[in-house]
Amino acid sequence: MTSRIFLLAFALAGMCTSPYSSRIRAQHAQEFGCQERWVQVQETDVEGRWTATGCGFRSEWACQERACRMRDSGSYGVDAP
């Protein structure tokens, strides 16, 4: 019984994930040279806009028609001269 509840919860969690978030996570990690597991992706208030954070960088993405492109990026958490 417990395993059925776990599987149901896992399936429901997967349904809430957008196909864009995994694409953005992979592209961000590739662009900034780190593993995908260190990248967090969040949808913004504007439809089709996403933010990825990880690897010491933050990037903004625009997605439509199953394609995403980076609009802007910048480093964070690093001291600048």
N, C-alpha and C. Protein backbone atom coordinates (compact mmCIF):
# COMPACT_ATOMS: atom_id res chain seq x y z
N MET A 1 0.82 -1.19 0.00
CA MET A 1 0.00 0.00 0.00
C MET A 1 0.87 1.26 0.00
N THR A 2 1.92 1.25 0.82
CA THR A 2 2.80 2.41 0.90
C THR A 2 3.50 2.67 -0.43
N SER A 3 3.90 1.62 -1.13
CA SER A 3 4.58 1.79 -2.42
C SER A 3 3.63 2.37 -3.46
N ARG A 4 2.36 2.05 -3.39
CA ARG A 4 1.38 2.61 -4.32
C ARG A 4 1.21 4.11 -4.10
N ILE A 5 1.18 4.51 -2.86
CA ILE A 5 1.06 5.93 -2.54
C ILE A 5 2.29 6.68 -3.03
N PHE A 6 3.46 6.10 -2.83
CA PHE A 6 4.70 6.71 -3.29
C PHE A 6 4.69 6.87 -4.81
N LEU A 7 4.29 5.82 -5.53
CA LEU A 7 4.25 5.89 -7.00
C LEU A 7 3.25 6.92 -7.48
N LEU A 8 2.11 7.02 -6.83
CA LEU A 8 1.11 8.01 -7.21
C LEU A 8 1.64 9.42 -6.98
N ALA A 9 2.29 9.65 -5.85
CA ALA A 9 2.86 10.97 -5.56
C ALA A 9 3.94 11.32 -6.56
N PHE A 10 4.77 10.35 -6.93
CA PHE A 10 5.84 10.57 -7.91
C PHE A 10 5.25 10.91 -9.28
N ALA A 11 4.20 10.22 -9.68
CA ALA A 11 3.56 10.48 -10.97
C ALA A 11 2.92 11.85 -11.00
N LEU A 12 2.27 12.24 -9.92
CA LEU A 12 1.65 13.56 -9.86
C LEU A 12 2.69 14.68 -9.89
N ALA A 13 3.81 14.48 -9.23
CA ALA A 13 4.87 15.48 -9.24
C ALA A 13 5.43 15.65 -10.64
N GLY A 14 5.56 14.58 -11.38
CA GLY A 14 6.07 14.64 -12.74
C GLY A 14 5.13 15.35 -13.69
N MET A 15 3.83 15.29 -13.41
CA MET A 15 2.85 15.95 -14.27
C MET A 15 2.94 17.46 -14.15
N CYS A 16 3.43 17.97 -13.05
CA CYS A 16 3.52 19.41 -12.83
C CYS A 16 4.77 20.02 -13.45
N THR A 17 5.65 19.21 -13.97
CA THR A 17 6.90 19.70 -14.54
C THR A 17 6.69 20.06 -16.00
N SER A 18 7.15 21.23 -16.37
CA SER A 18 7.04 21.67 -17.76
C SER A 18 8.16 21.08 -18.59
N PRO A 19 7.89 20.78 -19.87
CA PRO A 19 8.98 20.30 -20.72
C PRO A 19 10.06 21.35 -20.92
N TYR A 20 9.71 22.61 -20.76
CA TYR A 20 10.68 23.68 -20.91
C TYR A 20 11.72 23.66 -19.79
N SER A 21 11.31 23.34 -18.57
CA SER A 21 12.24 23.42 -17.45
C SER A 21 13.43 22.47 -17.62
N SER A 22 13.18 21.27 -18.12
CA SER A 22 14.30 20.34 -18.30
C SER A 22 15.21 20.79 -19.44
N ARG A 23 14.65 21.37 -20.49
CA ARG A 23 15.47 21.88 -21.59
C ARG A 23 16.34 23.04 -21.13
N ILE A 24 15.73 23.95 -20.38
CA ILE A 24 16.46 25.11 -19.89
C ILE A 24 17.56 24.67 -18.93
N ARG A 25 17.24 23.73 -18.05
CA ARG A 25 18.24 23.22 -17.10
C ARG A 25 19.45 22.67 -17.85
N ALA A 26 19.21 21.86 -18.87
CA ALA A 26 20.30 21.26 -19.64
C ALA A 26 21.10 22.32 -20.40
N GLN A 27 20.42 23.27 -21.02
CA GLN A 27 21.12 24.30 -21.79
C GLN A 27 21.93 25.23 -20.89
N HIS A 28 21.36 25.59 -19.74
CA HIS A 28 22.07 26.45 -18.79
C HIS A 28 23.34 25.74 -18.29
N ALA A 29 23.21 24.47 -17.91
CA ALA A 29 24.37 23.72 -17.41
C ALA A 29 25.45 23.60 -18.49
N GLN A 30 25.04 23.37 -19.72
CA GLN A 30 26.01 23.27 -20.81
C GLN A 30 26.69 24.62 -21.05
N GLU A 31 25.91 25.67 -21.07
CA GLU A 31 26.45 27.01 -21.34
C GLU A 31 27.48 27.43 -20.29
N PHE A 32 27.20 27.12 -19.01
CA PHE A 32 28.07 27.60 -17.94
C PHE A 32 28.95 26.52 -17.33
N GLY A 33 28.97 25.34 -17.93
CA GLY A 33 29.93 24.31 -17.56
C GLY A 33 29.75 23.66 -16.21
N CYS A 34 28.54 23.23 -15.89
CA CYS A 34 28.34 22.49 -14.65
C CYS A 34 27.31 21.40 -14.86
N GLN A 35 27.02 20.67 -13.82
CA GLN A 35 26.05 19.58 -13.90
C GLN A 35 24.64 20.12 -13.74
N GLU A 36 23.69 19.49 -14.43
CA GLU A 36 22.29 19.90 -14.40
C GLU A 36 21.71 19.90 -12.99
N ARG A 37 22.20 19.01 -12.15
CA ARG A 37 21.63 18.90 -10.81
C ARG A 37 21.84 20.17 -9.98
N TRP A 38 22.77 21.04 -10.39
CA TRP A 38 23.03 22.27 -9.66
C TRP A 38 22.21 23.46 -10.19
N VAL A 39 21.38 23.23 -11.19
CA VAL A 39 20.61 24.30 -11.82
C VAL A 39 19.15 24.24 -11.38
N GLN A 40 18.65 25.39 -10.93
CA GLN A 40 17.24 25.51 -10.57
C GLN A 40 16.54 26.37 -11.61
N VAL A 41 15.34 25.95 -12.02
CA VAL A 41 14.59 26.66 -13.05
C VAL A 41 13.23 27.03 -12.49
N GLN A 42 12.84 28.29 -12.73
CA GLN A 42 11.53 28.77 -12.27
C GLN A 42 10.86 29.56 -13.37
N GLU A 43 9.55 29.36 -13.48
CA GLU A 43 8.77 30.15 -14.42
C GLU A 43 8.50 31.52 -13.79
N THR A 44 8.57 32.57 -14.59
CA THR A 44 8.31 33.92 -14.08
C THR A 44 6.82 34.23 -14.19
N ASP A 45 6.45 35.45 -13.82
CA ASP A 45 5.06 35.87 -13.91
C ASP A 45 4.61 36.09 -15.35
N VAL A 46 5.55 36.28 -16.25
CA VAL A 46 5.25 36.49 -17.66
C VAL A 46 5.22 35.14 -18.37
N GLU A 47 4.16 34.88 -19.09
CA GLU A 47 4.01 33.60 -19.77
C GLU A 47 5.14 33.38 -20.79
N GLY A 48 5.72 32.19 -20.76
CA GLY A 48 6.79 31.86 -21.68
C GLY A 48 8.16 32.34 -21.26
N ARG A 49 8.27 32.94 -20.08
CA ARG A 49 9.56 33.44 -19.58
C ARG A 49 9.98 32.60 -18.38
N TRP A 50 11.27 32.27 -18.33
CA TRP A 50 11.83 31.42 -17.31
C TRP A 50 13.14 32.01 -16.80
N THR A 51 13.52 31.63 -15.58
CA THR A 51 14.79 32.02 -15.00
C THR A 51 15.51 30.76 -14.53
N ALA A 52 16.78 30.65 -14.86
CA ALA A 52 17.61 29.54 -14.40
C ALA A 52 18.73 30.10 -13.55
N THR A 53 19.03 29.43 -12.45
CA THR A 53 20.08 29.86 -11.53
C THR A 53 20.95 28.65 -11.19
N GLY A 54 22.25 28.82 -11.30
CA GLY A 54 23.17 27.76 -10.93
C GLY A 54 24.52 27.97 -11.59
N CYS A 55 25.53 27.32 -11.08
CA CYS A 55 26.89 27.38 -11.63
C CYS A 55 27.49 28.78 -11.49
N GLY A 56 26.95 29.60 -10.60
CA GLY A 56 27.43 30.96 -10.43
C GLY A 56 26.83 31.95 -11.41
N PHE A 57 25.80 31.52 -12.16
CA PHE A 57 25.17 32.39 -13.14
C PHE A 57 23.65 32.34 -13.02
N ARG A 58 23.04 33.41 -13.48
CA ARG A 58 21.58 33.50 -13.57
C ARG A 58 21.27 33.83 -15.02
N SER A 59 20.32 33.12 -15.62
CA SER A 59 19.97 33.39 -17.00
C SER A 59 18.46 33.52 -17.15
N GLU A 60 18.06 34.34 -18.11
CA GLU A 60 16.64 34.53 -18.41
C GLU A 60 16.37 33.93 -19.78
N TRP A 61 15.23 33.24 -19.88
CA TRP A 61 14.89 32.49 -21.08
C TRP A 61 13.50 32.86 -21.58
N ALA A 62 13.32 32.80 -22.89
CA ALA A 62 12.02 32.97 -23.53
C ALA A 62 11.73 31.68 -24.29
N CYS A 63 10.55 31.13 -24.07
CA CYS A 63 10.18 29.87 -24.70
C CYS A 63 8.86 30.02 -25.44
N GLN A 64 8.82 29.46 -26.63
CA GLN A 64 7.57 29.38 -27.39
C GLN A 64 7.75 28.34 -28.48
N GLU A 65 6.67 27.72 -28.84
CA GLU A 65 6.66 26.71 -29.88
C GLU A 65 7.74 25.64 -29.67
N ARG A 66 7.84 25.16 -28.43
CA ARG A 66 8.76 24.08 -28.05
C ARG A 66 10.24 24.43 -28.19
N ALA A 67 10.56 25.69 -28.27
CA ALA A 67 11.96 26.11 -28.36
C ALA A 67 12.22 27.20 -27.32
N CYS A 68 13.41 27.18 -26.75
CA CYS A 68 13.80 28.18 -25.76
C CYS A 68 15.11 28.83 -26.20
N ARG A 69 15.21 30.12 -25.91
CA ARG A 69 16.47 30.81 -26.19
C ARG A 69 16.80 31.72 -25.01
N MET A 70 18.08 31.84 -24.74
CA MET A 70 18.53 32.68 -23.64
C MET A 70 18.43 34.14 -24.07
N ARG A 71 17.82 34.94 -23.23
CA ARG A 71 17.67 36.37 -23.51
C ARG A 71 18.76 37.19 -22.84
N ASP A 72 19.17 36.77 -21.64
CA ASP A 72 20.16 37.53 -20.88
C ASP A 72 20.78 36.60 -19.84
N SER A 73 21.98 36.95 -19.40
CA SER A 73 22.63 36.17 -18.35
C SER A 73 23.61 37.08 -17.60
N GLY A 74 23.95 36.64 -16.42
CA GLY A 74 24.92 37.37 -15.63
C GLY A 74 25.41 36.53 -14.47
N SER A 75 26.55 36.87 -13.92
CA SER A 75 27.09 36.13 -12.80
C SER A 75 26.49 36.67 -11.51
N TYR A 76 26.53 35.85 -10.48
CA TYR A 76 26.08 36.28 -9.17
C TYR A 76 26.95 35.61 -8.11
N GLY A 77 26.98 36.22 -6.95
CA GLY A 77 27.74 35.66 -5.85
C GLY A 77 29.25 35.73 -6.02
N VAL A 78 29.70 36.55 -6.92
CA VAL A 78 31.14 36.70 -7.17
C VAL A 78 31.52 38.16 -6.93
N ASP A 79 32.58 38.36 -6.20
CA ASP A 79 33.04 39.73 -5.97
C ASP A 79 33.57 40.34 -7.24
N ALA A 80 33.14 41.54 -7.52
CA ALA A 80 33.63 42.25 -8.71
C ALA A 80 34.54 43.38 -8.27
N PRO A 81 35.55 43.69 -9.07
CA PRO A 81 36.46 44.78 -8.70
C PRO A 81 35.77 46.13 -8.83
